[in-house]
Amino acid sequence: MPLETRLLGRTGVRVSDLCLGAMMFGMRTEQGDSCAIIDRAIERGVNFIDTANVYSRGRSESFTGEALKRNGKRDRIVLATKFHGAMADDDPNMQGASRRHIMAACEASLTRLKTDYIDLYQIHRPRPDTAIDETLRALDDLIHQGKVRYIGTSTFAAWQFVESLWASEKHGLNRFVCEQQPYNLLDRRVERELMPMAQTYGVATIPWSPLAGGLLTGKYKRGESAPEGTRFANTARMNPAQRRRFNENVYDVVEAIEPLAAAHNVPVSQFALAWVMAQRGVTSPIIGPRTMEQLEDNLDAADLTLTQADFDAVDQVVPPGRMVAPYYEANFGPHHFRV
């Protein structure tokens, strides 16, 4: 079945209820496969693609731009990218949320994406050392120049997002219209403040890592070695964040979800993704397939309708607002500057 569409917050723009994330493109997925995945996603009804300049230092954007040039579908796609991450190791100003970096980063992204405009331009993480009105003024200028249509955030705390709305109101600047937040069955903390804030202010939410970086696919089994080539196969190479995520509690959740998924005759991955899609206030979870097989599995989750009994069972395992594997990786303040 083709995907449905949902409003991107209060903008009037409609996006598919799954967003194709391009983080793997240029990293573990080469150009030909990346193009094929994008083509297939569009065929299945995806009209929303998200990438970032920092993904493989520009390769993801380049691969995405090439795919849309080849298939001629750029004008049908709501194309999103992000700035903030370091784009060079020897220049401290090629990162962050300053006007200087934003202007340069946008021009570089436009070139790599082979487009004249970016539909949604997002700050990848909060930046406490930069006043929010500095960032908003630069983004507002890009909108007035026609290079950016809408602006958004990623992994902001609720108070940081609301402060940005206040700054936009105070200075007469375009406001952020959406927030990308970490949200999955292992980490439900955004339900405390972020999700109610988003619903109150008409903010679209675009959850990232709805499968918890693969931990909710069912491929990791208690007492068994992680499959070769997977993200958590080499424990010696895990960074601190990965070690915090991959703990014994993960198995408890997955083992509790397995019979719920089996009752619907679907894999754990589809159940976990369908659960995020069904949460109140969610606009479009971001899937990040590495292969065509993973793409098809993810897209099929849109056909699954969960029951109230399913939601109640999940709440017994991971209560609302709680977490068993932390996914926050941002600086939630305090900021160094007030507007």
Protein backbone atom coordinates (compact mmCIF):
# COMPACT_ATOMS: atom_id res chain seq x y z
CA MET A 1 0.00 0.00 0.00
CA PRO A 2 1.24 3.55 -0.69
CA LEU A 3 2.14 5.65 2.31
CA GLU A 4 -0.25 8.23 3.69
CA THR A 5 0.67 11.89 4.18
CA ARG A 6 0.53 14.12 7.21
CA LEU A 7 0.80 17.87 7.66
CA LEU A 8 4.26 19.19 8.47
CA GLY A 9 3.13 21.06 11.55
CA ARG A 10 1.30 24.29 10.75
CA THR A 11 2.97 24.81 7.35
CA GLY A 12 0.31 23.30 5.09
CA VAL A 13 2.96 21.09 3.46
CA ARG A 14 2.12 17.39 3.41
CA VAL A 15 4.84 14.78 3.89
CA SER A 16 4.76 10.99 3.77
CA ASP A 17 4.26 9.37 7.17
CA LEU A 18 7.71 7.80 6.86
CA CYS A 19 10.77 9.90 6.02
CA LEU A 20 13.71 8.35 4.16
CA GLY A 21 16.89 9.07 6.10
CA ALA A 22 20.08 9.12 4.03
CA MET A 23 22.73 8.68 6.73
CA MET A 24 23.92 5.36 5.30
CA PHE A 25 24.39 6.79 1.81
CA GLY A 26 28.07 7.35 1.20
CA MET A 27 29.04 5.54 4.37
CA ARG A 28 27.92 1.92 4.04
CA THR A 29 25.74 2.25 0.94
CA GLU A 30 27.38 3.19 -2.35
CA GLN A 31 26.02 5.43 -5.10
CA GLY A 32 24.21 2.84 -7.21
CA ASP A 33 22.41 1.25 -4.27
CA SER A 34 21.60 4.66 -2.79
CA CYS A 35 19.92 5.73 -6.04
CA ALA A 36 17.98 2.48 -6.20
CA ILE A 37 16.76 2.88 -2.61
CA ILE A 38 15.63 6.45 -3.26
CA ASP A 39 13.83 5.42 -6.46
CA ARG A 40 12.05 2.55 -4.71
CA ALA A 41 11.08 4.70 -1.74
CA ILE A 42 9.52 7.29 -4.05
CA GLU A 43 7.71 4.51 -5.92
CA ARG A 44 6.25 3.34 -2.59
CA GLY A 45 4.98 6.83 -1.76
CA VAL A 46 7.84 8.52 0.12
CA ASN A 47 8.03 12.23 -0.66
CA PHE A 48 10.23 13.24 2.31
CA ILE A 49 14.01 12.71 2.36
CA ASP A 50 16.33 13.79 5.18
CA THR A 51 20.10 14.02 5.12
CA ALA A 52 22.85 16.20 6.68
CA ASN A 53 26.06 17.79 5.51
CA VAL A 54 28.05 15.94 8.17
CA TYR A 55 26.94 12.49 6.98
CA SER A 56 30.16 11.13 5.47
CA ARG A 57 31.32 14.75 5.16
CA GLY A 58 29.05 15.55 2.23
CA ARG A 59 28.86 12.19 0.45
CA SER A 60 25.30 11.54 1.60
CA GLU A 61 24.12 14.88 0.21
CA SER A 62 26.01 14.26 -3.03
CA PHE A 63 24.51 10.79 -3.46
CA THR A 64 21.03 12.10 -2.70
CA GLY A 65 21.41 14.98 -5.13
CA GLU A 66 22.64 12.66 -7.86
CA ALA A 67 19.72 10.27 -7.33
CA LEU A 68 17.16 13.08 -7.62
CA LYS A 69 18.92 14.44 -10.70
CA ARG A 70 18.81 11.01 -12.37
CA ASN A 71 15.15 10.30 -11.63
CA GLY A 72 13.95 13.87 -12.23
CA LYS A 73 11.81 13.81 -9.09
CA ARG A 74 13.39 16.71 -7.17
CA ASP A 75 10.30 18.93 -7.38
CA ARG A 76 8.10 16.17 -5.92
CA ILE A 77 10.33 15.71 -2.87
CA VAL A 78 10.36 17.61 0.41
CA LEU A 79 14.13 17.65 0.74
CA ALA A 80 15.64 18.20 4.18
CA THR A 81 19.22 18.56 5.31
CA LYS A 82 21.04 19.77 8.41
CA PHE A 83 24.02 21.87 9.48
CA HIS A 84 26.07 22.06 12.69
CA GLY A 85 28.60 19.20 12.61
CA ALA A 86 32.28 19.79 11.88
CA MET A 87 33.01 19.78 8.15
CA ALA A 88 36.78 20.13 8.58
CA ASP A 89 39.29 19.06 11.20
CA ASP A 90 41.51 22.14 10.90
CA ASP A 91 38.98 25.01 10.94
CA PRO A 92 36.95 25.67 14.11
CA ASN A 93 34.53 27.88 12.16
CA MET A 94 33.41 25.12 9.78
CA GLN A 95 30.86 23.93 12.34
CA GLY A 96 28.23 25.27 14.68
CA ALA A 97 25.33 27.68 14.39
CA SER A 98 26.96 31.03 13.63
CA ARG A 99 25.89 33.18 10.70
CA ARG A 100 29.33 32.65 9.18
CA HIS A 101 29.02 28.88 9.16
CA ILE A 102 25.32 28.71 8.26
CA MET A 103 25.73 30.81 5.12
CA ALA A 104 28.72 28.81 3.93
CA ALA A 105 27.19 25.46 4.86
CA CYS A 106 23.96 26.22 2.99
CA GLU A 107 25.80 27.11 -0.22
CA ALA A 108 27.85 23.92 -0.01
CA SER A 109 24.75 21.79 0.63
CA LEU A 110 22.92 23.34 -2.32
CA THR A 111 25.84 22.45 -4.57
CA ARG A 112 26.07 18.86 -3.34
CA LEU A 113 22.30 18.36 -3.51
CA LYS A 114 22.22 19.80 -7.04
CA THR A 115 19.28 22.04 -6.22
CA ASP A 116 18.42 25.73 -6.01
CA TYR A 117 16.56 25.42 -2.71
CA ILE A 118 16.30 23.30 0.42
CA ASP A 119 12.77 22.59 1.58
CA LEU A 120 13.70 22.09 5.22
CA TYR A 121 17.00 23.31 6.70
CA GLN A 122 17.67 22.15 10.26
CA ILE A 123 20.18 22.79 13.01
CA HIS A 124 21.52 19.34 13.88
CA ARG A 125 22.01 19.98 17.62
CA PRO A 126 21.54 22.82 20.10
CA ARG A 127 24.47 25.21 20.31
CA PRO A 128 24.66 26.80 23.79
CA ASP A 129 27.67 28.95 22.85
CA THR A 130 25.71 30.75 20.12
CA ALA A 131 22.78 33.09 20.76
CA ILE A 132 19.63 31.66 19.20
CA ASP A 133 18.79 34.97 17.51
CA GLU A 134 22.16 34.81 15.69
CA THR A 135 21.12 31.47 14.23
CA LEU A 136 17.56 32.51 13.48
CA ARG A 137 18.59 35.73 11.71
CA ALA A 138 20.90 33.83 9.36
CA LEU A 139 18.21 31.25 8.61
CA ASP A 140 15.62 33.98 8.12
CA ASP A 141 17.91 35.62 5.55
CA LEU A 142 18.23 32.32 3.68
CA ILE A 143 14.45 32.06 3.54
CA HIS A 144 14.14 35.59 2.17
CA GLN A 145 16.82 34.75 -0.42
CA GLY A 146 14.74 31.78 -1.60
CA LYS A 147 17.43 29.26 -0.76
CA VAL A 148 15.48 27.70 2.12
CA ARG A 149 11.73 27.17 2.47
CA TYR A 150 11.36 26.13 6.13
CA ILE A 151 13.64 25.70 9.13
CA GLY A 152 13.75 23.18 11.96
CA THR A 153 15.73 21.70 14.83
CA SER A 154 17.08 18.34 15.92
CA THR A 155 17.37 17.01 19.47
CA PHE A 156 16.37 20.25 21.17
CA ALA A 157 14.94 20.25 24.68
CA ALA A 158 11.40 21.58 24.93
CA TRP A 159 12.57 24.74 26.71
CA GLN A 160 15.16 25.42 23.99
CA PHE A 161 12.56 25.12 21.26
CA VAL A 162 10.09 27.38 23.09
CA GLU A 163 12.83 29.96 23.64
CA SER A 164 13.46 29.94 19.89
CA LEU A 165 9.76 30.64 19.29
CA TRP A 166 9.95 33.55 21.70
CA ALA A 167 13.03 34.91 19.91
CA SER A 168 11.30 34.61 16.54
CA GLU A 169 8.28 36.46 17.88
CA LYS A 170 10.40 39.17 19.51
CA HIS A 171 12.54 39.86 16.44
CA GLY A 172 9.99 39.17 13.69
CA LEU A 173 11.88 36.19 12.29
CA ASN A 174 10.72 32.99 10.64
CA ARG A 175 10.17 30.31 13.27
CA PHE A 176 11.27 26.70 13.45
CA VAL A 177 8.45 24.49 12.19
CA CYS A 178 9.65 21.04 13.27
CA GLU A 179 11.85 19.10 15.66
CA GLN A 180 13.71 15.84 15.12
CA GLN A 181 13.77 13.97 18.39
CA PRO A 182 15.16 10.57 19.46
CA TYR A 183 12.07 8.44 20.05
CA ASN A 184 11.66 4.69 20.18
CA LEU A 185 10.46 1.86 22.39
CA LEU A 186 13.68 1.99 24.40
CA ASP A 187 13.59 5.74 25.07
CA ARG A 188 10.25 7.50 25.65
CA ARG A 189 11.53 10.54 27.57
CA VAL A 190 10.33 12.99 24.91
CA GLU A 191 6.78 12.19 26.02
CA ARG A 192 7.35 14.18 29.22
CA GLU A 193 7.73 17.66 27.72
CA LEU A 194 8.85 17.68 24.08
CA MET A 195 5.81 15.98 22.57
CA PRO A 196 3.23 18.01 24.56
CA MET A 197 5.11 21.18 23.62
CA ALA A 198 5.05 20.22 19.94
CA GLN A 199 1.31 19.59 19.98
CA THR A 200 0.66 22.84 21.84
CA TYR A 201 2.61 25.01 19.38
CA GLY A 202 1.83 23.17 16.14
CA VAL A 203 5.35 21.81 15.75
CA ALA A 204 5.93 18.82 13.46
CA THR A 205 7.93 15.96 14.97
CA ILE A 206 10.26 13.79 12.92
CA PRO A 207 11.56 11.05 15.25
CA TRP A 208 15.05 9.80 14.52
CA SER A 209 16.26 6.30 15.29
CA PRO A 210 12.78 4.79 15.73
CA LEU A 211 14.48 1.36 15.65
CA ALA A 212 17.15 2.45 18.14
CA GLY A 213 20.01 2.05 15.71
CA GLY A 214 18.95 -1.52 14.92
CA LEU A 215 18.48 -2.68 18.52
CA LEU A 216 14.73 -3.05 17.88
CA THR A 217 15.04 -5.15 14.73
CA GLY A 218 15.17 -8.46 16.59
CA LYS A 219 18.60 -9.34 15.21
CA TYR A 220 20.29 -9.13 18.63
CA LYS A 221 19.58 -12.14 20.85
CA ARG A 222 20.39 -12.62 24.51
CA GLY A 223 23.37 -14.94 24.95
CA GLU A 224 24.29 -14.85 21.25
CA SER A 225 26.99 -12.93 19.44
CA ALA A 226 25.79 -9.97 17.41
CA PRO A 227 25.57 -10.76 13.67
CA GLU A 228 28.70 -9.88 11.70
CA GLY A 229 28.60 -6.49 10.03
CA THR A 230 25.97 -5.05 12.36
CA ARG A 231 26.46 -1.83 14.31
CA PHE A 232 26.96 -3.57 17.66
CA ALA A 233 28.98 -6.56 16.45
CA ASN A 234 32.35 -5.25 17.61
CA THR A 235 32.05 -4.30 21.28
CA ALA A 236 35.67 -3.12 21.39
CA ARG A 237 34.91 -0.42 18.81
CA MET A 238 31.73 0.89 20.42
CA ASN A 239 31.76 4.53 21.46
CA PRO A 240 30.50 5.48 24.95
CA ALA A 241 27.01 6.31 23.65
CA GLN A 242 26.69 2.88 22.02
CA ARG A 243 27.77 1.16 25.21
CA ARG A 244 25.07 2.99 27.15
CA ARG A 245 22.45 1.95 24.62
CA PHE A 246 23.35 -1.71 24.32
CA ASN A 247 22.55 -3.00 27.82
CA GLU A 248 20.72 -5.98 29.26
CA ASN A 249 17.44 -4.04 29.46
CA VAL A 250 17.31 -4.01 25.66
CA TYR A 251 16.82 -7.77 25.61
CA ASP A 252 13.97 -7.49 28.13
CA VAL A 253 12.10 -5.11 25.85
CA VAL A 254 12.74 -7.03 22.64
CA GLU A 255 11.71 -10.35 24.23
CA ALA A 256 8.49 -8.76 25.46
CA ILE A 257 7.73 -7.29 22.02
CA GLU A 258 8.39 -10.49 20.07
CA PRO A 259 5.05 -12.18 20.91
CA LEU A 260 3.17 -8.95 20.20
CA ALA A 261 4.77 -8.76 16.77
CA ALA A 262 4.20 -12.47 16.14
CA ALA A 263 0.50 -12.03 16.87
CA HIS A 264 0.39 -9.65 13.89
CA ASN A 265 2.63 -11.95 11.83
CA VAL A 266 5.25 -9.22 11.42
CA PRO A 267 8.89 -8.90 12.53
CA VAL A 268 9.83 -6.95 15.65
CA SER A 269 11.22 -4.16 13.47
CA GLN A 270 7.84 -3.46 11.88
CA PHE A 271 6.03 -3.55 15.21
CA ALA A 272 8.51 -1.11 16.77
CA LEU A 273 8.29 1.28 13.83
CA ALA A 274 4.50 1.10 13.64
CA TRP A 275 4.38 1.91 17.36
CA VAL A 276 6.30 5.16 16.82
CA MET A 277 4.18 6.08 13.79
CA ALA A 278 1.03 5.66 15.88
CA GLN A 279 2.08 7.93 18.75
CA ARG A 280 0.08 11.11 19.20
CA GLY A 281 1.81 14.12 17.67
CA VAL A 282 4.27 12.15 15.53
CA THR A 283 4.54 13.40 11.95
CA SER A 284 7.06 11.22 10.13
CA PRO A 285 9.62 8.87 11.71
CA ILE A 286 12.95 8.71 9.91
CA ILE A 287 14.02 5.32 8.58
CA GLY A 288 17.67 4.84 7.66
CA PRO A 289 17.98 1.74 5.48
CA ARG A 290 21.37 0.47 4.42
CA THR A 291 19.96 -2.06 1.94
CA MET A 292 16.91 -2.47 -0.26
CA GLU A 293 15.75 -5.32 1.99
CA GLN A 294 15.79 -3.02 5.01
CA LEU A 295 13.86 -0.37 3.07
CA GLU A 296 11.10 -2.78 2.11
CA ASP A 297 10.83 -4.05 5.68
CA ASN A 298 10.57 -0.51 7.04
CA LEU A 299 7.97 0.62 4.50
CA ASP A 300 5.79 -2.39 5.22
CA ALA A 301 5.42 -1.17 8.81
CA ALA A 302 3.01 1.47 7.48
CA ASP A 303 0.49 -1.30 6.77
CA LEU A 304 0.37 -2.44 10.41
CA THR A 305 -2.41 -1.23 12.70
CA LEU A 306 -1.79 -1.79 16.39
CA THR A 307 -4.49 -2.35 18.97
CA GLN A 308 -5.06 -0.74 22.34
CA ALA A 309 -3.97 -4.04 23.87
CA ASP A 310 -0.64 -3.65 22.06
CA PHE A 311 -0.15 -0.15 23.45
CA ASP A 312 -1.08 -1.29 26.95
CA ALA A 313 1.39 -4.19 26.74
CA VAL A 314 4.18 -1.86 25.64
CA ASP A 315 3.42 0.49 28.54
CA GLN A 316 3.94 -2.40 30.94
CA VAL A 317 7.45 -2.97 29.57
CA VAL A 318 8.54 0.66 29.13
CA PRO A 319 6.18 3.05 30.95
CA PRO A 320 5.30 6.35 29.26
CA GLY A 321 8.02 8.94 29.64
CA ARG A 322 10.64 6.41 30.74
CA MET A 323 13.67 4.85 29.04
CA VAL A 324 15.86 1.75 29.25
CA ALA A 325 18.52 2.80 26.70
CA PRO A 326 19.31 6.53 26.55
CA TYR A 327 19.36 8.23 23.16
CA TYR A 328 19.90 11.88 24.10
CA GLU A 329 23.20 13.15 22.74
CA ALA A 330 22.74 16.90 22.94
CA ASN A 331 23.64 19.82 25.15
CA PHE A 332 20.46 20.93 26.85
CA GLY A 333 21.99 23.98 28.45
CA PRO A 334 22.12 26.31 30.14
CA HIS A 335 22.93 28.58 27.22
CA HIS A 336 25.69 31.13 27.54
CA PHE A 337 23.55 33.89 26.09
CA ARG A 338 19.99 35.11 26.45
CA VAL A 339 18.14 36.87 23.68
